[in-house]
Each structure stands twice: as C-alpha cells, then as structure tokens.
C-alpha cells in the first residue's frame, strides 16, 4: 500500500469511529461546514477517500479536529504519532525547569 492509500484507510476509520459514514458526500458536507477557506469539491474528497490524494496541512488540521484524532495520527499513522509523543516526553523528562527556561529564552532571541 502506498502513502495515499494508507491515509485513505486512516481517514475512513476516523470517520467511522466518529460516527460518520465514510462516503464522499458526508465528508464534503462535514468538512466544508468547518473549513474557513475555499470549499472543497465532491471530487476532491472522493480522491481523499479513494487514496488518490492527501489534503494540504491546513485541511488536514480541520479534518483531525472534526474527527477528534491527532493530526499526526491521521496523516502518518498511530506509530508516528506515538513516536512524536515519546520524543516530547523524553525532552520533558531529561530537562529540569531551569534548563528548559534557558533554552526557551535562547530560542526566542533574534537570529543575528
């Protein structure tokens, strides 16, 4: 299976888990009612569900919020989302408050 097909499977599962039918009409209507940008077409969402396309990041964020799933999990799968969470936990556990505060101040400095 390729990346687009895997995304399609995750999208279908997320829709079903959220209580929606995994059909283009349902996806189009539900997405467009929540998206602030230009509406997506029936053909576009059909391509998402058939594994022919992956939405842009901003559209993916809207889908994830609507379907109550982490954006990383929807886009890349549960293993990728777990890996990201594990790295965040490792970061939080290895640094104490003072070290974290120092790094945050350093990162907020202007580039020059």
C-alpha atoms as a PDB file:
ATOM      1  CA  UNK A   1       0.000   0.000   0.000  1.00  0.00           C
ATOM      2  CA  UNK A   2       1.268   3.473  -0.753  1.00  0.00           C
ATOM      3  CA  UNK A   3       1.134   6.611   1.376  1.00  0.00           C
ATOM      4  CA  UNK A   4      -2.081   7.944  -0.176  1.00  0.00           C
ATOM      5  CA  UNK A   5      -3.909   4.655   0.244  1.00  0.00           C
ATOM      6  CA  UNK A   6      -2.771   4.378   3.852  1.00  0.00           C
ATOM      7  CA  UNK A   7      -4.056   7.901   4.507  1.00  0.00           C
ATOM      8  CA  UNK A   8      -7.367   6.946   2.901  1.00  0.00           C
ATOM      9  CA  UNK A   9      -7.709   3.965   5.248  1.00  0.00           C
ATOM     10  CA  UNK A  10      -6.965   6.113   8.307  1.00  0.00           C
ATOM     11  CA  UNK A  11      -9.481   8.735   7.143  1.00  0.00           C
ATOM     12  CA  UNK A  12     -12.186   6.098   6.645  1.00  0.00           C
ATOM     13  CA  UNK A  13     -11.520   4.593  10.072  1.00  0.00           C
ATOM     14  CA  UNK A  14     -11.544   8.024  11.732  1.00  0.00           C
ATOM     15  CA  UNK A  15     -14.867   8.878  10.091  1.00  0.00           C
ATOM     16  CA  UNK A  16     -16.436   5.608  11.225  1.00  0.00           C
ATOM     17  CA  UNK A  17     -15.029   5.992  14.745  1.00  0.00           C
ATOM     18  CA  UNK A  18     -16.529   9.494  14.935  1.00  0.00           C
ATOM     19  CA  UNK A  19     -19.933   8.146  13.885  1.00  0.00           C
ATOM     20  CA  UNK A  20     -19.964   9.229  10.242  1.00  0.00           C
ATOM     21  CA  UNK A  21     -20.376   7.144   7.103  1.00  0.00           C
ATOM     22  CA  UNK A  22     -17.158   7.033   5.081  1.00  0.00           C
ATOM     23  CA  UNK A  23     -18.780   8.478   1.964  1.00  0.00           C
ATOM     24  CA  UNK A  24     -17.706  11.469  -0.156  1.00  0.00           C
ATOM     25  CA  UNK A  25     -20.995  13.340   0.329  1.00  0.00           C
ATOM     26  CA  UNK A  26     -20.751  13.082   4.100  1.00  0.00           C
ATOM     27  CA  UNK A  27     -17.097  14.111   4.072  1.00  0.00           C
ATOM     28  CA  UNK A  28     -17.687  17.054   1.737  1.00  0.00           C
ATOM     29  CA  UNK A  29     -20.577  18.442   3.749  1.00  0.00           C
ATOM     30  CA  UNK A  30     -18.934  17.899   7.150  1.00  0.00           C
ATOM     31  CA  UNK A  31     -15.594  19.312   6.068  1.00  0.00           C
ATOM     32  CA  UNK A  32     -16.935  22.382   4.262  1.00  0.00           C
ATOM     33  CA  UNK A  33     -19.125  23.324   7.221  1.00  0.00           C
ATOM     34  CA  UNK A  34     -15.981  23.583   9.376  1.00  0.00           C
ATOM     35  CA  UNK A  35     -13.410  24.908   6.916  1.00  0.00           C
ATOM     36  CA  UNK A  36     -12.879  28.671   6.739  1.00  0.00           C
ATOM     37  CA  UNK A  37     -11.211  28.665   3.298  1.00  0.00           C
ATOM     38  CA  UNK A  38     -12.440  27.885  -0.162  1.00  0.00           C
ATOM     39  CA  UNK A  39     -14.836  24.930  -0.178  1.00  0.00           C
ATOM     40  CA  UNK A  40     -13.548  21.577  -1.384  1.00  0.00           C
ATOM     41  CA  UNK A  41     -15.387  19.761  -4.137  1.00  0.00           C
ATOM     42  CA  UNK A  42     -17.070  16.388  -4.093  1.00  0.00           C
ATOM     43  CA  UNK A  43     -14.359  15.174  -6.490  1.00  0.00           C
ATOM     44  CA  UNK A  44     -11.570  16.323  -4.158  1.00  0.00           C
ATOM     45  CA  UNK A  45     -12.917  14.490  -1.112  1.00  0.00           C
ATOM     46  CA  UNK A  46     -13.617  11.459  -3.295  1.00  0.00           C
ATOM     47  CA  UNK A  47      -9.934  11.426  -4.205  1.00  0.00           C
ATOM     48  CA  UNK A  48      -9.033  11.530  -0.483  1.00  0.00           C
ATOM     49  CA  UNK A  49     -11.263   8.535   0.204  1.00  0.00           C
ATOM     50  CA  UNK A  50     -10.073   6.559  -2.846  1.00  0.00           C
ATOM     51  CA  UNK A  51      -6.413   7.013  -1.909  1.00  0.00           C
ATOM     52  CA  UNK A  52      -5.569   9.243  -4.851  1.00  0.00           C
ATOM     53  CA  UNK A  53      -4.693  12.418  -2.922  1.00  0.00           C
ATOM     54  CA  UNK A  54      -3.783  13.743   0.509  1.00  0.00           C
ATOM     55  CA  UNK A  55      -5.189  17.093   1.672  1.00  0.00           C
ATOM     56  CA  UNK A  56      -2.981  20.067   2.493  1.00  0.00           C
ATOM     57  CA  UNK A  57      -1.812  20.567   6.063  1.00  0.00           C
ATOM     58  CA  UNK A  58      -4.452  23.185   6.906  1.00  0.00           C
ATOM     59  CA  UNK A  59      -7.215  20.922   5.602  1.00  0.00           C
ATOM     60  CA  UNK A  60      -5.734  18.004   7.487  1.00  0.00           C
ATOM     61  CA  UNK A  61      -5.889  20.059  10.698  1.00  0.00           C
ATOM     62  CA  UNK A  62      -9.597  20.743  10.145  1.00  0.00           C
ATOM     63  CA  UNK A  63     -10.276  17.064   9.428  1.00  0.00           C
ATOM     64  CA  UNK A  64      -8.399  15.981  12.548  1.00  0.00           C
ATOM     65  CA  UNK A  65     -10.223  18.454  14.779  1.00  0.00           C
ATOM     66  CA  UNK A  66     -13.603  17.461  13.340  1.00  0.00           C
ATOM     67  CA  UNK A  67     -12.946  13.722  13.657  1.00  0.00           C
ATOM     68  CA  UNK A  68     -11.256  14.092  17.063  1.00  0.00           C
ATOM     69  CA  UNK A  69      -7.969  12.478  16.104  1.00  0.00           C
ATOM     70  CA  UNK A  70      -4.412  13.775  16.340  1.00  0.00           C
ATOM     71  CA  UNK A  71      -3.326  15.352  13.026  1.00  0.00           C
ATOM     72  CA  UNK A  72      -0.088  13.322  13.024  1.00  0.00           C
ATOM     73  CA  UNK A  73      -2.019  10.105  13.565  1.00  0.00           C
ATOM     74  CA  UNK A  74      -4.379  10.908  10.703  1.00  0.00           C
ATOM     75  CA  UNK A  75      -1.596  11.870   8.314  1.00  0.00           C
ATOM     76  CA  UNK A  76       1.135   9.391   9.229  1.00  0.00           C
ATOM     77  CA  UNK A  77      -0.477   6.722  11.421  1.00  0.00           C
ATOM     78  CA  UNK A  78      -0.537   5.862  15.096  1.00  0.00           C
ATOM     79  CA  UNK A  79       3.092   4.717  15.214  1.00  0.00           C
ATOM     80  CA  UNK A  80       4.347   8.086  14.000  1.00  0.00           C
ATOM     81  CA  UNK A  81       2.125   9.926  16.488  1.00  0.00           C
ATOM     82  CA  UNK A  82       3.372   7.701  19.326  1.00  0.00           C
ATOM     83  CA  UNK A  83       6.974   8.331  18.293  1.00  0.00           C
ATOM     84  CA  UNK A  84       6.427  12.090  18.430  1.00  0.00           C
ATOM     85  CA  UNK A  85       4.814  11.851  21.867  1.00  0.00           C
ATOM     86  CA  UNK A  86       7.661   9.673  23.145  1.00  0.00           C
ATOM     87  CA  UNK A  87      10.247  12.202  21.983  1.00  0.00           C
ATOM     88  CA  UNK A  88       8.326  15.023  23.665  1.00  0.00           C
ATOM     89  CA  UNK A  89       8.160  13.037  26.911  1.00  0.00           C
ATOM     90  CA  UNK A  90      11.864  12.330  26.707  1.00  0.00           C
ATOM     91  CA  UNK A  91      12.538  16.055  26.253  1.00  0.00           C
ATOM     92  CA  UNK A  92      10.336  16.935  29.228  1.00  0.00           C
ATOM     93  CA  UNK A  93      11.832  14.255  31.473  1.00  0.00           C
ATOM     94  CA  UNK A  94      15.512  14.956  30.768  1.00  0.00           C
ATOM     95  CA  UNK A  95      15.467  18.715  31.356  1.00  0.00           C
ATOM     96  CA  UNK A  96      14.670  20.436  34.584  1.00  0.00           C
ATOM     97  CA  UNK A  97      12.727  23.696  34.750  1.00  0.00           C
ATOM     98  CA  UNK A  98      15.785  25.957  34.718  1.00  0.00           C
ATOM     99  CA  UNK A  99      17.345  24.234  31.699  1.00  0.00           C
ATOM    100  CA  UNK A 100      14.076  24.350  29.777  1.00  0.00           C
ATOM    101  CA  UNK A 101      13.606  28.027  30.613  1.00  0.00           C
ATOM    102  CA  UNK A 102      17.147  28.833  29.473  1.00  0.00           C
ATOM    103  CA  UNK A 103      16.644  27.029  26.168  1.00  0.00           C
ATOM    104  CA  UNK A 104      13.307  28.748  25.551  1.00  0.00           C
ATOM    105  CA  UNK A 105      14.912  32.163  26.139  1.00  0.00           C
ATOM    106  CA  UNK A 106      17.767  31.256  23.812  1.00  0.00           C
ATOM    107  CA  UNK A 107      15.389  30.128  21.059  1.00  0.00           C
ATOM    108  CA  UNK A 108      13.389  33.355  21.328  1.00  0.00           C
ATOM    109  CA  UNK A 109      16.465  35.512  20.605  1.00  0.00           C
ATOM    110  CA  UNK A 110      16.595  37.232  17.202  1.00  0.00           C
ATOM    111  CA  UNK A 111      18.696  35.372  14.605  1.00  0.00           C
ATOM    112  CA  UNK A 112      21.510  37.970  14.278  1.00  0.00           C
END
